[in-house]
Amino acid sequence: MIRSFLQGKRRMPIALGIVTIIISLMVGVYLPKLLRHDAKSGWRTVDDEVAGWSMRYPVQWQLQHFDYSAIKLTLKGIAISNMRAEIPRSSDGASWDFRSLAPNFVMIEFSHVFGGGPRNKSVAPSRFPLSLEDAQLAPSSDSLGGPTPLYLPVVAPGDPGFRLEVWFGTHASLADKATAAKIVSSISF
């Protein structure tokens, strides 16, 4: 009886090892579809296969996902910034909190908006590649401690519910502003 118990304990590490290998292989197969890295260019690609878009950004920049829901509105998207850490959200999660960031920050938010009232689905799709030159100052900003962002509605074929916002800190470098423009122009459906 003790002998069979000890044999069972020896089998447990082997079983855990096999499960670990299987999970690693599964992640290795599926993860590249979500986030790919091109070592030659120094850029990564993030894909949203459900919404049908992709975007490229430098490996030195930070990617974070966010999801916000209110009574009749849901935002799901990503933020890409030149900061080395995630940019915090307000306590209710409704907006970005820029108060603790260095003044050289740059952040790009690309989100899919669900709800919030009817949308005109007959609007012509956006012209790609997108350009920051087509963006305008947002009419208002609910961010905490940040500048007014540049805003560009993005109309994908059959889905007018995307938006792009770009914030530049007061001391953002010209190089980081140019990188933000390249990131924006990399968005495709």
Protein backbone atom coordinates (compact mmCIF):
# COMPACT_ATOMS: atom_id res chain seq x y z
CA MET A 1 0.00 0.00 0.00
CA ILE A 2 2.77 2.47 0.89
CA ARG A 3 4.62 1.37 -2.21
CA SER A 4 1.66 2.19 -4.52
CA PHE A 5 1.24 5.55 -2.73
CA LEU A 6 4.90 6.44 -3.38
CA GLN A 7 4.58 5.38 -7.01
CA GLY A 8 1.60 7.73 -7.34
CA LYS A 9 3.69 10.61 -5.96
CA ARG A 10 6.39 9.89 -8.53
CA ARG A 11 3.85 10.03 -11.33
CA MET A 12 2.52 13.45 -10.29
CA PRO A 13 5.63 15.44 -11.37
CA ILE A 14 5.65 13.61 -14.69
CA ALA A 15 1.97 14.38 -15.27
CA LEU A 16 2.52 18.05 -14.34
CA GLY A 17 5.51 18.17 -16.70
CA ILE A 18 3.42 16.80 -19.57
CA VAL A 19 0.61 19.28 -18.89
CA THR A 20 3.16 22.13 -18.78
CA ILE A 21 4.62 21.07 -22.12
CA ILE A 22 1.16 20.85 -23.72
CA ILE A 23 0.17 24.31 -22.44
CA SER A 24 3.49 25.79 -23.63
CA LEU A 25 2.95 24.34 -27.09
CA MET A 26 -0.60 25.70 -27.22
CA VAL A 27 0.55 29.19 -26.20
CA GLY A 28 3.36 28.99 -28.73
CA VAL A 29 0.89 28.17 -31.47
CA TYR A 30 -1.79 30.76 -30.62
CA LEU A 31 0.15 33.68 -29.11
CA PRO A 32 1.93 34.72 -32.34
CA LYS A 33 -1.46 35.39 -33.91
CA LEU A 34 -2.14 37.98 -31.22
CA LEU A 35 1.31 39.53 -30.94
CA ARG A 36 4.11 39.08 -33.45
CA HIS A 37 7.63 40.47 -33.27
CA ASP A 38 9.77 41.30 -36.28
CA ALA A 39 13.34 41.21 -34.93
CA LYS A 40 14.78 42.87 -38.04
CA SER A 41 12.56 45.96 -37.92
CA GLY A 42 12.29 46.24 -34.13
CA TRP A 43 8.50 46.48 -34.37
CA ARG A 44 5.70 44.25 -33.08
CA THR A 45 2.31 43.63 -34.62
CA VAL A 46 -0.82 43.28 -32.54
CA ASP A 47 -3.88 41.73 -34.20
CA ASP A 48 -7.51 41.67 -33.15
CA GLU A 49 -8.87 38.81 -35.24
CA VAL A 50 -12.43 39.31 -33.97
CA ALA A 51 -12.65 43.00 -34.93
CA GLY A 52 -10.39 42.43 -37.93
CA TRP A 53 -7.65 45.01 -37.39
CA SER A 54 -3.91 45.02 -36.88
CA MET A 55 -1.38 47.64 -35.79
CA ARG A 56 2.41 47.86 -35.54
CA TYR A 57 4.43 49.55 -32.80
CA PRO A 58 8.09 49.68 -31.65
CA VAL A 59 9.24 46.98 -29.25
CA GLN A 60 10.41 49.68 -26.82
CA TRP A 61 6.87 51.03 -26.46
CA GLN A 62 4.31 49.67 -23.99
CA LEU A 63 1.10 47.91 -25.08
CA GLN A 64 -1.83 47.63 -22.70
CA HIS A 65 -5.36 46.38 -23.21
CA PHE A 66 -8.35 48.03 -21.61
CA ASP A 67 -12.05 47.36 -21.32
CA TYR A 68 -14.52 49.88 -19.93
CA SER A 69 -18.28 49.45 -19.55
CA ALA A 70 -20.88 51.96 -18.43
CA ILE A 71 -24.66 51.73 -18.52
CA LYS A 72 -25.07 51.79 -22.33
CA LEU A 73 -21.49 52.05 -23.53
CA THR A 74 -18.55 49.67 -23.78
CA LEU A 75 -15.05 50.48 -24.98
CA LYS A 76 -12.58 47.73 -25.74
CA GLY A 77 -9.18 48.57 -27.05
CA ILE A 78 -5.49 49.07 -26.67
CA ALA A 79 -3.21 51.86 -25.60
CA ILE A 80 0.35 52.12 -26.85
CA SER A 81 2.75 54.52 -25.17
CA ASN A 82 6.39 55.46 -24.99
CA MET A 83 6.25 54.98 -21.21
CA ARG A 84 7.86 51.87 -19.72
CA ALA A 85 4.89 51.11 -17.47
CA GLU A 86 1.15 50.91 -17.92
CA ILE A 87 -0.68 54.20 -17.87
CA PRO A 88 -3.15 54.22 -14.98
CA ARG A 89 -6.92 54.54 -15.33
CA SER A 90 -9.09 56.75 -13.16
CA SER A 91 -10.63 55.16 -10.07
CA ASP A 92 -13.87 54.41 -11.94
CA GLY A 93 -11.96 53.15 -15.01
CA ALA A 94 -13.66 55.66 -17.31
CA SER A 95 -10.61 57.69 -18.28
CA TRP A 96 -6.82 57.80 -18.35
CA ASP A 97 -4.91 59.35 -15.46
CA PHE A 98 -1.88 61.22 -16.81
CA ARG A 99 -1.10 63.13 -13.60
CA SER A 100 1.89 60.95 -12.63
CA LEU A 101 3.47 60.74 -16.09
CA ALA A 102 6.59 62.51 -17.28
CA PRO A 103 5.79 65.42 -19.61
CA ASN A 104 7.45 63.63 -22.56
CA PHE A 105 4.75 60.94 -22.77
CA VAL A 106 2.97 59.93 -25.96
CA MET A 107 -0.06 57.64 -25.93
CA ILE A 108 -2.21 56.25 -28.71
CA GLU A 109 -5.60 54.74 -27.87
CA PHE A 110 -7.43 52.65 -30.45
CA SER A 111 -10.79 51.38 -29.30
CA HIS A 112 -13.95 49.72 -30.50
CA VAL A 113 -17.08 51.41 -29.19
CA PHE A 114 -20.21 49.37 -28.50
CA GLY A 115 -23.52 51.03 -27.62
CA GLY A 116 -23.87 54.73 -26.91
CA GLY A 117 -26.71 55.32 -29.36
CA PRO A 118 -27.37 54.63 -33.02
CA ARG A 119 -24.57 54.88 -35.57
CA ASN A 120 -24.86 55.69 -39.23
CA LYS A 121 -23.62 52.49 -40.89
CA SER A 122 -23.79 54.08 -44.34
CA VAL A 123 -20.80 56.33 -43.62
CA ALA A 124 -17.97 55.75 -46.08
CA PRO A 125 -15.05 53.72 -44.70
CA SER A 126 -11.96 55.63 -43.60
CA ARG A 127 -9.12 56.02 -46.08
CA PHE A 128 -6.11 53.90 -45.22
CA PRO A 129 -3.40 54.42 -44.29
CA LEU A 130 -4.71 56.69 -41.56
CA SER A 131 -2.89 59.96 -41.00
CA LEU A 132 -2.55 62.12 -37.91
CA GLU A 133 -2.83 65.07 -40.28
CA ASP A 134 -6.54 64.19 -40.61
CA ALA A 135 -7.07 64.20 -36.84
CA GLN A 136 -8.57 67.13 -34.99
CA LEU A 137 -8.44 68.26 -31.39
CA ALA A 138 -11.12 66.38 -29.49
CA PRO A 139 -14.04 68.64 -28.46
CA SER A 140 -13.38 67.64 -24.87
CA SER A 141 -11.28 65.25 -22.86
CA ASP A 142 -12.19 63.26 -19.79
CA SER A 143 -8.57 62.33 -19.06
CA LEU A 144 -7.08 63.40 -15.76
CA GLY A 145 -4.13 65.77 -15.97
CA GLY A 146 -3.56 65.28 -19.66
CA PRO A 147 -3.69 67.54 -22.69
CA THR A 148 -6.60 67.52 -25.10
CA PRO A 149 -6.03 64.58 -27.47
CA LEU A 150 -6.11 64.48 -31.21
CA TYR A 151 -9.20 62.55 -32.29
CA LEU A 152 -9.94 60.59 -35.44
CA PRO A 153 -13.08 58.51 -35.94
CA VAL A 154 -12.24 55.31 -37.79
CA VAL A 155 -14.85 53.68 -39.99
CA ALA A 156 -14.06 50.11 -40.88
CA PRO A 157 -16.07 48.50 -43.69
CA GLY A 158 -19.53 48.04 -42.19
CA ASP A 159 -18.52 49.19 -38.68
CA PRO A 160 -18.33 52.90 -37.79
CA GLY A 161 -17.64 52.15 -34.13
CA PHE A 162 -13.87 52.66 -33.86
CA ARG A 163 -12.01 55.67 -32.54
CA LEU A 164 -8.43 56.79 -32.33
CA GLU A 165 -7.10 59.29 -29.81
CA VAL A 166 -3.51 60.46 -29.47
CA TRP A 167 -2.08 62.41 -26.53
CA PHE A 168 1.24 64.24 -26.61
CA GLY A 169 2.80 65.42 -23.36
CA THR A 170 4.05 69.01 -23.29
CA HIS A 171 7.65 67.85 -23.82
CA ALA A 172 7.06 64.95 -26.24
CA SER A 173 10.01 64.67 -28.61
CA LEU A 174 9.70 65.15 -32.36
CA ALA A 175 11.01 61.59 -32.79
CA ASP A 176 8.23 60.16 -30.57
CA LYS A 177 5.62 62.27 -32.39
CA ALA A 178 6.89 60.88 -35.70
CA THR A 179 6.77 57.35 -34.27
CA ALA A 180 3.16 57.93 -33.19
CA ALA A 181 2.31 58.99 -36.74
CA LYS A 182 3.91 55.77 -38.08
CA ILE A 183 1.93 53.68 -35.58
CA VAL A 184 -1.32 55.36 -36.63
CA SER A 185 -0.55 54.81 -40.31
CA SER A 186 0.09 51.11 -39.64
CA ILE A 187 -3.54 50.45 -38.59
CA SER A 188 -5.24 48.22 -41.13
CA PHE A 189 -8.40 46.16 -41.44
